[in-house]
Amino acid sequence: MNYDVYLKKLIAGERVNPFLDFLGIKLEELKEGYARFRMPVRSEYLQGAKAMQGGLIVAMADEAIAHAIMTRLSPEEGLTTIELKSNFLAGVSDGDLVATATVFKKGRSLVIGDCIVTDHQEKNICRVSATFLLLTKK
């Protein structure tokens, strides 16, 4: 995939990622090694205790980290998540979530990224670290 073209379309507001559309995730900012996304907390995202389901929070963070990494890829590189670690810090049941991700280190075959997810009042909700495998076209 040509991530440069994909990111330009995403920045322009084109609907190029069905998963982001499905969860209502919107790009707020993208620059080299950095991405920020926003997602509404919808009633259908709540689990039985009326808090946001954790897997959806981690999915948002994974997307934010992946997009931060995409800004650092060459045209012949791709990526796939191979490991995620999440720390849930607080629950949330309304408002919006904001995922702010950065690239920690890009090596020859692995990339490590970090993300903090906050609620609409800037309270820390979840911290996620992820390792991605770089895929190269042959």
Protein backbone atom coordinates (compact mmCIF):
# COMPACT_ATOMS: atom_id res chain seq x y z
CA MET A 1 0.00 0.00 0.00
CA ASN A 2 1.15 3.53 -0.71
CA TYR A 3 0.71 5.11 2.72
CA ASP A 4 1.60 8.58 1.45
CA VAL A 5 -1.44 8.59 -0.86
CA TYR A 6 -3.64 7.00 1.83
CA LEU A 7 -2.64 9.61 4.45
CA LYS A 8 -3.23 12.50 2.04
CA LYS A 9 -6.74 11.18 1.35
CA LEU A 10 -7.40 10.69 5.08
CA ILE A 11 -6.25 14.25 5.84
CA ALA A 12 -8.52 15.53 3.06
CA GLY A 13 -11.47 13.88 4.78
CA GLU A 14 -11.99 11.09 2.27
CA ARG A 15 -13.49 7.86 3.56
CA VAL A 16 -10.57 5.52 3.00
CA ASN A 17 -10.64 3.37 6.15
CA PRO A 18 -13.88 1.43 6.82
CA PHE A 19 -12.76 0.48 10.35
CA LEU A 20 -12.28 4.11 11.39
CA ASP A 21 -15.66 4.94 9.86
CA PHE A 22 -17.33 2.02 11.68
CA LEU A 23 -16.12 3.25 15.10
CA GLY A 24 -16.60 6.95 14.32
CA ILE A 25 -12.87 7.65 14.70
CA LYS A 26 -11.78 10.97 13.20
CA LEU A 27 -8.27 12.19 12.48
CA GLU A 28 -7.46 15.43 14.32
CA GLU A 29 -3.75 15.87 13.66
CA LEU A 30 -1.02 14.06 11.78
CA LYS A 31 2.63 14.96 11.44
CA GLU A 32 5.88 13.02 11.26
CA GLY A 33 5.90 10.41 13.99
CA TYR A 34 2.67 11.70 15.55
CA ALA A 35 -1.07 11.09 15.21
CA ARG A 36 -4.12 12.20 17.18
CA PHE A 37 -7.57 10.67 16.75
CA ARG A 38 -10.95 11.35 18.40
CA MET A 39 -13.77 8.84 18.95
CA PRO A 40 -17.19 9.32 20.53
CA VAL A 41 -18.21 7.10 23.42
CA ARG A 42 -21.48 5.68 22.11
CA SER A 43 -24.04 3.74 24.14
CA GLU A 44 -23.47 0.66 21.96
CA TYR A 45 -19.75 0.71 22.96
CA LEU A 46 -20.56 0.27 26.67
CA GLN A 47 -20.28 -3.08 28.38
CA GLY A 48 -22.58 -4.40 31.13
CA ALA A 49 -21.16 -2.12 33.84
CA LYS A 50 -21.94 0.88 31.58
CA ALA A 51 -18.26 1.66 30.89
CA MET A 52 -16.57 1.78 27.49
CA GLN A 53 -15.48 -1.68 26.39
CA GLY A 54 -11.69 -1.88 26.75
CA GLY A 55 -10.97 -3.61 23.46
CA LEU A 56 -12.43 -0.68 21.56
CA ILE A 57 -10.17 1.72 23.44
CA VAL A 58 -7.14 -0.42 22.56
CA ALA A 59 -8.28 -0.67 18.93
CA MET A 60 -8.37 3.12 18.72
CA ALA A 61 -4.87 3.35 20.23
CA ASP A 62 -3.57 0.70 17.80
CA GLU A 63 -4.90 2.73 14.87
CA ALA A 64 -3.38 5.94 16.23
CA ILE A 65 0.04 4.32 16.66
CA ALA A 66 -0.13 2.72 13.20
CA HIS A 67 -0.93 6.06 11.61
CA ALA A 68 1.93 7.79 13.46
CA ILE A 69 4.22 5.08 12.09
CA MET A 70 2.85 5.45 8.55
CA THR A 71 4.25 9.00 8.50
CA ARG A 72 7.74 7.51 8.87
CA LEU A 73 7.52 4.75 6.25
CA SER A 74 9.26 4.69 2.90
CA PRO A 75 7.20 3.73 -0.17
CA GLU A 76 8.49 0.14 -0.07
CA GLU A 77 7.57 -0.41 3.60
CA GLY A 78 4.38 -1.69 5.15
CA LEU A 79 3.50 -2.60 8.72
CA THR A 80 1.53 -4.97 10.90
CA THR A 81 0.96 -5.04 14.64
CA ILE A 82 2.73 -7.94 16.37
CA GLU A 83 2.34 -6.97 20.04
CA LEU A 84 0.16 -4.67 22.16
CA LYS A 85 0.33 -3.87 25.86
CA SER A 86 -2.38 -1.83 27.50
CA ASN A 87 -2.80 -0.33 30.95
CA PHE A 88 -6.35 0.74 31.78
CA LEU A 89 -6.21 3.71 34.11
CA ALA A 90 -9.85 4.79 34.45
CA GLY A 91 -13.27 4.01 33.09
CA VAL A 92 -15.30 6.25 30.82
CA SER A 93 -18.97 6.15 29.91
CA ASP A 94 -19.64 9.33 27.91
CA GLY A 95 -18.06 12.13 25.92
CA ASP A 96 -15.18 11.60 23.52
CA LEU A 97 -11.89 9.76 23.70
CA VAL A 98 -8.68 11.24 22.30
CA ALA A 99 -5.77 8.98 21.33
CA THR A 100 -2.39 10.70 21.02
CA ALA A 101 0.33 8.48 19.56
CA THR A 102 4.04 8.84 18.88
CA VAL A 103 6.73 6.69 17.31
CA PHE A 104 9.20 5.75 20.03
CA LYS A 105 11.76 3.96 17.84
CA LYS A 106 11.93 2.80 14.24
CA GLY A 107 14.50 0.10 13.60
CA ARG A 108 15.28 -2.02 10.56
CA SER A 109 12.54 -4.58 11.17
CA LEU A 110 10.52 -3.35 14.16
CA VAL A 111 8.83 -0.11 15.15
CA ILE A 112 7.73 0.71 18.70
CA GLY A 113 4.98 3.24 19.33
CA ASP A 114 3.18 4.65 22.35
CA CYS A 115 -0.28 6.08 22.86
CA ILE A 116 -2.17 7.81 25.67
CA VAL A 117 -5.95 7.78 25.47
CA THR A 118 -7.71 10.52 27.42
CA ASP A 119 -11.34 11.45 27.93
CA HIS A 120 -12.92 14.77 26.94
CA GLN A 121 -11.67 16.28 30.22
CA GLU A 122 -8.06 15.19 29.51
CA LYS A 123 -8.15 12.46 32.17
CA ASN A 124 -5.86 9.52 31.34
CA ILE A 125 -7.98 6.49 30.45
CA CYS A 126 -5.50 4.05 28.88
CA ARG A 127 -1.82 3.77 27.98
CA VAL A 128 -0.85 1.50 25.09
CA SER A 129 2.56 0.43 23.79
CA ALA A 130 2.76 -1.47 20.52
CA THR A 131 5.38 -3.20 18.43
CA PHE A 132 4.93 -3.35 14.68
CA LEU A 133 6.77 -5.50 12.16
CA LEU A 134 8.04 -3.64 9.11
CA LEU A 135 7.05 -5.37 5.91
CA THR A 136 9.16 -4.73 2.81
CA LYS A 137 8.12 -5.21 -0.79
CA LYS A 138 10.40 -7.51 -2.72
